[in-house]
Amino acid sequence: MSPMTDQPGAPLSGRVAIVTGAGRGIGRATAHSLARHGARVVVNDFGGSLSGDAPADEPAARVAEEIATSGGEARANSDSVAEWPAAQRIIQTALDAFGRVDLLVNNAGLSTDAPIWELDPEVFDRVVRSHLYGGFHCLRAAVPHMKAQGFGRIVNLVSRAGLIGTSGTPAYGAAKGGLFGLTNVASRDLAGSGVTVNAVNPSATETRMVTTAIDQLGSQGEAGARRASGLRQALQAPERVAALITALCLDAAGSANGQTFYIDKDRVGLFQPLELTQLEAVSTDAGAADLVQALARLEPHALGAIYED
């Protein structure tokens, strides 16, 4: 990682950031980026596997030490965002160590792949709690402090799985879709308060979650191996996503609120909110037979992906 002095003017000097799931991948890159820009950082990571087993203190402690070695200030926290008391402790870590909380990046979460007819309800609950409950818990605990000081930046990591759907990921898609909805509502609740809430949906990024899925695909015969090879070549570095998250945390990004952004290597974009694109006139007493005829005149959207992630 570059030294903390590589950003002249330290635009986040005096700010305190919390990054969840910061032990690896996008979270780690974001914690480093925010620190390079002058923020003091709470590095949160529950540790363990993608399914939430074997929690460990080491991932968060390692990244906090990396930041300190590079000249920044960081504190490690290994509490689980999925539980309300634990999430409160994450925010309290920032308050105890640095006296305030300005920036919150909700990145933590678990993943599992299974079609809807095979998914264990307990696994579904665990995945949804990690992303959606985790995002809410941290937001709920941090926002009163941000509102009181008149400043805050919250960035939620979302996914194509929740925005348009990805086959075989019902738990992950439901969780990320819920976090997208939470972003929409929280941004409106906080409009005018000085606290912004935005989302970032990156294209396919080199993270443990993505590379594990690609490796599984690569083991599914020759066709799967070819597809996996192409996907690996298309991956962007976590630092690309971290740069966008950092930009949304700057004072100058205050006009962006309730938006979902896209980053793919050398392209950055903005998603258009869901819009009603087709309308058919029906009578006010139309029954099912009339409505099914009207539905037939509407052109369903394709289920194929409109972009890669």
Protein backbone atom coordinates (compact mmCIF):
# COMPACT_ATOMS: atom_id res chain seq x y z
CA MET A 1 0.00 0.00 0.00
CA SER A 2 1.10 3.58 -0.67
CA PRO A 3 2.16 5.74 2.29
CA MET A 4 -0.42 7.93 3.93
CA THR A 5 1.23 11.04 2.52
CA ASP A 6 0.35 10.26 -1.11
CA GLN A 7 -2.76 12.49 -1.03
CA PRO A 8 -1.83 16.17 -0.67
CA GLY A 9 -4.16 18.17 1.53
CA ALA A 10 -5.63 15.09 3.26
CA PRO A 11 -9.27 15.84 2.30
CA LEU A 12 -10.60 13.53 5.02
CA SER A 13 -8.39 14.90 7.78
CA GLY A 14 -10.39 15.01 11.01
CA ARG A 15 -12.97 12.52 9.76
CA VAL A 16 -13.58 9.16 11.41
CA ALA A 17 -14.58 6.19 9.26
CA ILE A 18 -16.04 2.77 9.97
CA VAL A 19 -15.63 0.10 7.30
CA THR A 20 -17.34 -3.24 7.90
CA GLY A 21 -16.02 -6.42 6.32
CA ALA A 22 -12.66 -4.66 6.01
CA GLY A 23 -10.38 -7.63 6.58
CA ARG A 24 -10.12 -8.47 2.89
CA GLY A 25 -11.08 -7.41 -0.62
CA ILE A 26 -13.11 -4.24 -1.18
CA GLY A 27 -13.38 -3.51 2.54
CA ARG A 28 -9.63 -3.70 3.09
CA ALA A 29 -8.93 -1.55 0.03
CA THR A 30 -11.50 1.00 1.23
CA ALA A 31 -10.06 1.18 4.75
CA HIS A 32 -6.62 1.85 3.27
CA SER A 33 -7.97 4.43 0.81
CA LEU A 34 -9.88 6.36 3.47
CA ALA A 35 -6.79 6.34 5.71
CA ARG A 36 -4.59 7.58 2.85
CA HIS A 37 -7.01 10.47 2.45
CA GLY A 38 -6.59 11.40 6.12
CA ALA A 39 -9.43 9.59 7.91
CA ARG A 40 -8.99 7.67 11.12
CA VAL A 41 -10.50 4.25 10.57
CA VAL A 42 -12.28 1.53 12.53
CA VAL A 43 -11.53 -1.70 10.68
CA ASN A 44 -14.38 -4.12 11.37
CA ASP A 45 -14.32 -7.76 10.30
CA PHE A 46 -15.94 -10.79 11.89
CA GLY A 47 -13.32 -13.02 10.28
CA GLY A 48 -13.85 -16.62 9.32
CA SER A 49 -15.35 -18.19 6.22
CA LEU A 50 -17.75 -16.88 3.59
CA SER A 51 -20.54 -18.81 5.32
CA GLY A 52 -19.85 -17.14 8.67
CA ASP A 53 -18.07 -20.04 10.38
CA ALA A 54 -14.94 -19.77 12.54
CA PRO A 55 -14.88 -16.07 13.47
CA ALA A 56 -11.42 -14.65 14.03
CA ASP A 57 -9.86 -11.40 15.24
CA GLU A 58 -6.85 -11.64 12.92
CA PRO A 59 -8.23 -10.15 9.65
CA ALA A 60 -9.32 -6.85 11.25
CA ALA A 61 -6.20 -6.63 13.41
CA ARG A 62 -3.94 -7.24 10.41
CA VAL A 63 -5.47 -4.43 8.33
CA ALA A 64 -5.44 -2.00 11.26
CA GLU A 65 -1.76 -2.78 11.73
CA GLU A 66 -1.10 -2.24 8.01
CA ILE A 67 -2.68 1.20 8.21
CA ALA A 68 -0.73 2.09 11.34
CA THR A 69 2.51 0.91 9.75
CA SER A 70 1.80 3.20 6.78
CA GLY A 71 1.40 6.18 9.09
CA GLY A 72 -2.36 6.23 9.60
CA GLU A 73 -4.60 5.73 12.61
CA ALA A 74 -6.84 2.68 12.89
CA ARG A 75 -8.59 0.48 15.44
CA ALA A 76 -9.61 -3.13 14.88
CA ASN A 77 -13.04 -4.52 15.75
CA SER A 78 -14.26 -8.07 15.15
CA ASP A 79 -17.91 -7.79 16.23
CA SER A 80 -20.67 -9.18 14.02
CA VAL A 81 -22.82 -6.62 12.21
CA ALA A 82 -25.67 -9.16 12.20
CA GLU A 83 -26.43 -8.62 15.91
CA TRP A 84 -27.70 -5.28 17.23
CA PRO A 85 -25.64 -5.13 20.46
CA ALA A 86 -22.50 -6.10 18.53
CA ALA A 87 -23.15 -3.44 15.87
CA GLN A 88 -23.55 -0.86 18.62
CA ARG A 89 -20.12 -1.86 19.88
CA ILE A 90 -18.65 -1.24 16.42
CA ILE A 91 -19.86 2.36 16.43
CA GLN A 92 -18.84 2.75 20.08
CA THR A 93 -15.31 1.67 19.12
CA ALA A 94 -15.08 4.75 16.90
CA LEU A 95 -16.52 7.01 19.59
CA ASP A 96 -14.20 5.67 22.28
CA ALA A 97 -11.08 5.79 20.13
CA PHE A 98 -11.66 8.96 18.10
CA GLY A 99 -14.61 10.81 19.65
CA ARG A 100 -16.92 10.85 16.62
CA VAL A 101 -18.13 8.97 13.53
CA ASP A 102 -18.40 10.63 10.12
CA LEU A 103 -18.19 7.92 7.49
CA LEU A 104 -19.80 4.47 7.39
CA VAL A 105 -19.19 1.89 4.66
CA ASN A 106 -21.52 -1.12 4.91
CA ASN A 107 -19.53 -3.79 3.12
CA ALA A 108 -19.73 -6.84 5.41
CA GLY A 109 -21.72 -9.87 4.36
CA LEU A 110 -21.82 -13.62 3.77
CA SER A 111 -22.55 -15.53 0.59
CA THR A 112 -23.92 -18.91 -0.42
CA ASP A 113 -25.06 -20.34 -3.74
CA ALA A 114 -28.08 -22.63 -4.05
CA PRO A 115 -31.28 -22.58 -6.10
CA ILE A 116 -34.38 -21.54 -4.22
CA TRP A 117 -35.69 -25.10 -3.92
CA GLU A 118 -32.48 -26.27 -2.19
CA LEU A 119 -31.69 -23.30 0.04
CA ASP A 120 -31.70 -24.04 3.76
CA PRO A 121 -33.91 -21.49 5.60
CA GLU A 122 -31.26 -21.12 8.30
CA VAL A 123 -28.66 -20.23 5.67
CA PHE A 124 -31.06 -17.74 4.09
CA ASP A 125 -31.55 -16.07 7.48
CA ARG A 126 -27.81 -15.94 8.16
CA VAL A 127 -26.97 -14.35 4.79
CA VAL A 128 -29.79 -11.79 4.97
CA ARG A 129 -28.85 -10.86 8.52
CA SER A 130 -25.24 -10.24 7.53
CA HIS A 131 -26.01 -7.82 4.68
CA LEU A 132 -29.42 -6.29 5.37
CA TYR A 133 -29.66 -6.44 9.16
CA GLY A 134 -25.97 -5.58 9.34
CA GLY A 135 -26.44 -2.52 7.18
CA PHE A 136 -29.45 -1.39 9.19
CA HIS A 137 -27.81 -2.05 12.57
CA CYS A 138 -24.71 -0.01 11.77
CA LEU A 139 -26.69 2.75 10.10
CA ARG A 140 -29.12 2.94 13.01
CA ALA A 141 -26.31 3.13 15.56
CA ALA A 142 -24.26 5.70 13.62
CA VAL A 143 -26.90 8.07 12.25
CA PRO A 144 -27.90 9.81 15.53
CA HIS A 145 -24.27 10.91 15.97
CA MET A 146 -24.02 12.04 12.35
CA LYS A 147 -27.28 13.99 12.57
CA ALA A 148 -26.18 15.71 15.78
CA GLN A 149 -22.99 16.97 14.12
CA GLY A 150 -24.71 17.83 10.83
CA PHE A 151 -22.45 15.67 8.68
CA GLY A 152 -22.24 12.05 7.59
CA ARG A 153 -21.49 9.90 4.60
CA ILE A 154 -22.93 6.38 4.35
CA VAL A 155 -22.09 4.05 1.45
CA ASN A 156 -23.79 0.66 1.07
CA LEU A 157 -22.36 -2.06 -1.19
CA VAL A 158 -25.08 -3.62 -3.35
CA SER A 159 -25.08 -6.12 -6.22
CA ARG A 160 -26.66 -7.11 -9.51
CA ALA A 161 -28.06 -10.11 -7.63
CA GLY A 162 -30.37 -7.73 -5.76
CA LEU A 163 -30.96 -5.11 -8.46
CA ILE A 164 -31.96 -7.37 -11.36
CA GLY A 165 -31.36 -10.91 -10.09
CA THR A 166 -28.65 -13.53 -10.54
CA SER A 167 -29.60 -17.18 -10.86
CA GLY A 168 -28.77 -19.38 -7.89
CA THR A 169 -28.35 -16.57 -5.33
CA PRO A 170 -31.74 -16.15 -3.61
CA ALA A 171 -30.32 -15.35 -0.17
CA TYR A 172 -27.62 -13.00 -1.41
CA GLY A 173 -30.01 -11.35 -3.87
CA ALA A 174 -32.68 -10.81 -1.23
CA ALA A 175 -30.10 -9.36 1.15
CA LYS A 176 -28.56 -6.98 -1.38
CA GLY A 177 -31.97 -6.03 -2.76
CA GLY A 178 -33.06 -5.18 0.76
CA LEU A 179 -29.95 -3.06 1.28
CA PHE A 180 -30.77 -1.22 -1.96
CA GLY A 181 -34.25 -0.50 -0.59
CA LEU A 182 -32.82 0.62 2.73
CA THR A 183 -30.54 3.04 0.86
CA ASN A 184 -33.53 4.55 -0.93
CA VAL A 185 -35.53 5.09 2.25
CA ALA A 186 -32.70 6.20 4.53
CA SER A 187 -31.51 8.77 1.99
CA ARG A 188 -34.96 10.35 1.97
CA ASP A 189 -35.27 10.25 5.75
CA LEU A 190 -31.94 12.06 6.04
CA ALA A 191 -32.34 14.54 3.18
CA GLY A 192 -31.31 18.02 4.28
CA SER A 193 -29.56 16.81 7.42
CA GLY A 194 -26.03 16.88 6.02
CA VAL A 195 -25.97 13.06 6.05
CA THR A 196 -26.01 11.29 2.68
CA VAL A 197 -26.74 7.64 1.92
CA ASN A 198 -25.63 6.16 -1.40
CA ALA A 199 -24.99 2.71 -2.84
CA VAL A 200 -22.21 1.29 -4.99
CA ASN A 201 -22.68 -1.70 -7.28
CA PRO A 202 -19.28 -2.63 -8.73
CA SER A 203 -18.67 -4.81 -11.75
CA ALA A 204 -16.96 -8.15 -11.04
CA THR A 205 -14.15 -7.47 -8.59
CA GLU A 206 -11.28 -9.62 -7.36
CA THR A 207 -12.62 -10.59 -3.94
CA ARG A 208 -12.76 -13.85 -2.03
CA MET A 209 -16.50 -14.10 -2.68
CA VAL A 210 -16.17 -13.65 -6.45
CA THR A 211 -13.06 -15.76 -6.98
CA THR A 212 -14.60 -18.62 -4.97
CA ALA A 213 -17.65 -18.58 -7.25
CA ILE A 214 -15.42 -18.48 -10.34
CA ASP A 215 -13.37 -21.42 -9.06
CA GLN A 216 -16.57 -23.41 -8.56
CA LEU A 217 -17.63 -22.60 -12.12
CA GLY A 218 -14.21 -23.61 -13.40
CA SER A 219 -14.64 -27.09 -11.94
CA GLN A 220 -17.79 -27.75 -14.00
CA GLY A 221 -16.27 -29.25 -17.13
CA GLU A 222 -14.57 -27.72 -20.14
CA ALA A 223 -17.27 -25.14 -20.85
CA GLY A 224 -17.23 -23.99 -17.23
CA ALA A 225 -13.45 -23.72 -17.28
CA ARG A 226 -13.56 -21.52 -20.39
CA ARG A 227 -16.21 -19.28 -18.85
CA ALA A 228 -14.25 -19.06 -15.59
CA SER A 229 -11.08 -18.06 -17.45
CA GLY A 230 -12.90 -15.20 -19.17
CA LEU A 231 -14.41 -14.01 -15.91
CA ARG A 232 -11.02 -13.97 -14.18
CA GLN A 233 -9.58 -11.78 -16.92
CA ALA A 234 -12.48 -9.32 -16.56
CA LEU A 235 -12.05 -8.80 -12.80
CA GLN A 236 -11.20 -5.33 -11.57
CA ALA A 237 -9.01 -4.61 -8.58
CA PRO A 238 -10.72 -3.83 -5.24
CA GLU A 239 -8.85 -0.52 -5.24
CA ARG A 240 -11.03 0.69 -8.15
CA VAL A 241 -14.16 0.25 -6.03
CA ALA A 242 -12.45 1.78 -3.01
CA ALA A 243 -11.66 4.92 -5.01
CA LEU A 244 -15.35 5.46 -5.80
CA ILE A 245 -16.40 4.80 -2.21
CA THR A 246 -13.79 7.30 -1.03
CA ALA A 247 -15.05 9.90 -3.50
CA LEU A 248 -18.58 9.54 -2.09
CA CYS A 249 -17.19 10.17 1.40
CA LEU A 250 -15.65 13.52 0.53
CA ASP A 251 -17.24 16.83 1.55
CA ALA A 252 -17.56 17.69 -2.14
CA ALA A 253 -19.87 14.71 -2.73
CA GLY A 254 -22.66 16.15 -0.60
CA SER A 255 -25.01 16.64 -3.57
CA ALA A 256 -25.16 12.88 -4.18
CA ASN A 257 -27.87 11.29 -2.03
CA GLY A 258 -30.03 8.23 -2.64
CA GLN A 259 -28.03 7.26 -5.73
CA THR A 260 -26.67 3.90 -6.88
CA PHE A 261 -23.33 4.12 -8.65
CA TYR A 262 -21.46 1.66 -10.88
CA ILE A 263 -17.71 1.24 -11.29
CA ASP A 264 -15.97 -0.96 -13.84
CA LYS A 265 -12.23 -0.34 -14.24
CA ASP A 266 -12.13 2.78 -16.45
CA ARG A 267 -15.87 3.53 -16.37
CA VAL A 268 -18.10 5.01 -13.69
CA GLY A 269 -21.86 5.19 -14.01
CA LEU A 270 -25.17 5.96 -12.35
CA PHE A 271 -28.18 3.66 -12.31
CA GLN A 272 -31.55 5.03 -13.34
CA PRO A 273 -34.27 4.55 -10.71
CA LEU A 274 -36.99 2.01 -11.47
CA GLU A 275 -39.51 3.61 -13.81
CA LEU A 276 -42.94 2.67 -15.20
CA THR A 277 -42.21 2.30 -18.92
CA GLN A 278 -45.43 0.81 -20.34
CA LEU A 279 -49.12 1.48 -19.68
CA GLU A 280 -52.27 -0.10 -21.12
CA ALA A 281 -55.73 1.39 -20.58
CA VAL A 282 -58.27 -0.86 -18.85
CA SER A 283 -61.72 -0.17 -17.50
CA THR A 284 -62.12 0.42 -13.79
CA ASP A 285 -64.20 -2.76 -13.47
CA ALA A 286 -61.83 -4.94 -15.52
CA GLY A 287 -61.69 -8.51 -14.26
CA ALA A 288 -58.97 -11.13 -14.54
CA ALA A 289 -59.92 -12.08 -18.12
CA ASP A 290 -59.68 -8.44 -19.24
CA LEU A 291 -56.45 -7.86 -17.36
CA VAL A 292 -54.73 -10.92 -18.81
CA GLN A 293 -55.45 -9.55 -22.28
CA ALA A 294 -53.94 -6.21 -21.27
CA LEU A 295 -50.90 -7.99 -19.85
CA ALA A 296 -50.39 -9.71 -23.19
CA ARG A 297 -50.00 -6.30 -24.83
CA LEU A 298 -47.16 -5.36 -22.49
CA GLU A 299 -43.67 -6.43 -23.55
CA PRO A 300 -41.89 -8.21 -20.67
CA HIS A 301 -38.29 -7.21 -20.05
CA ALA A 302 -35.58 -9.77 -20.74
CA LEU A 303 -34.18 -11.73 -17.81
CA GLY A 304 -30.66 -11.49 -19.21
CA ALA A 305 -28.05 -9.31 -17.52
CA ILE A 306 -27.75 -5.72 -18.71
CA TYR A 307 -24.20 -5.41 -17.37
CA GLU A 308 -21.59 -7.61 -15.77
CA ASP A 309 -20.67 -7.80 -12.10
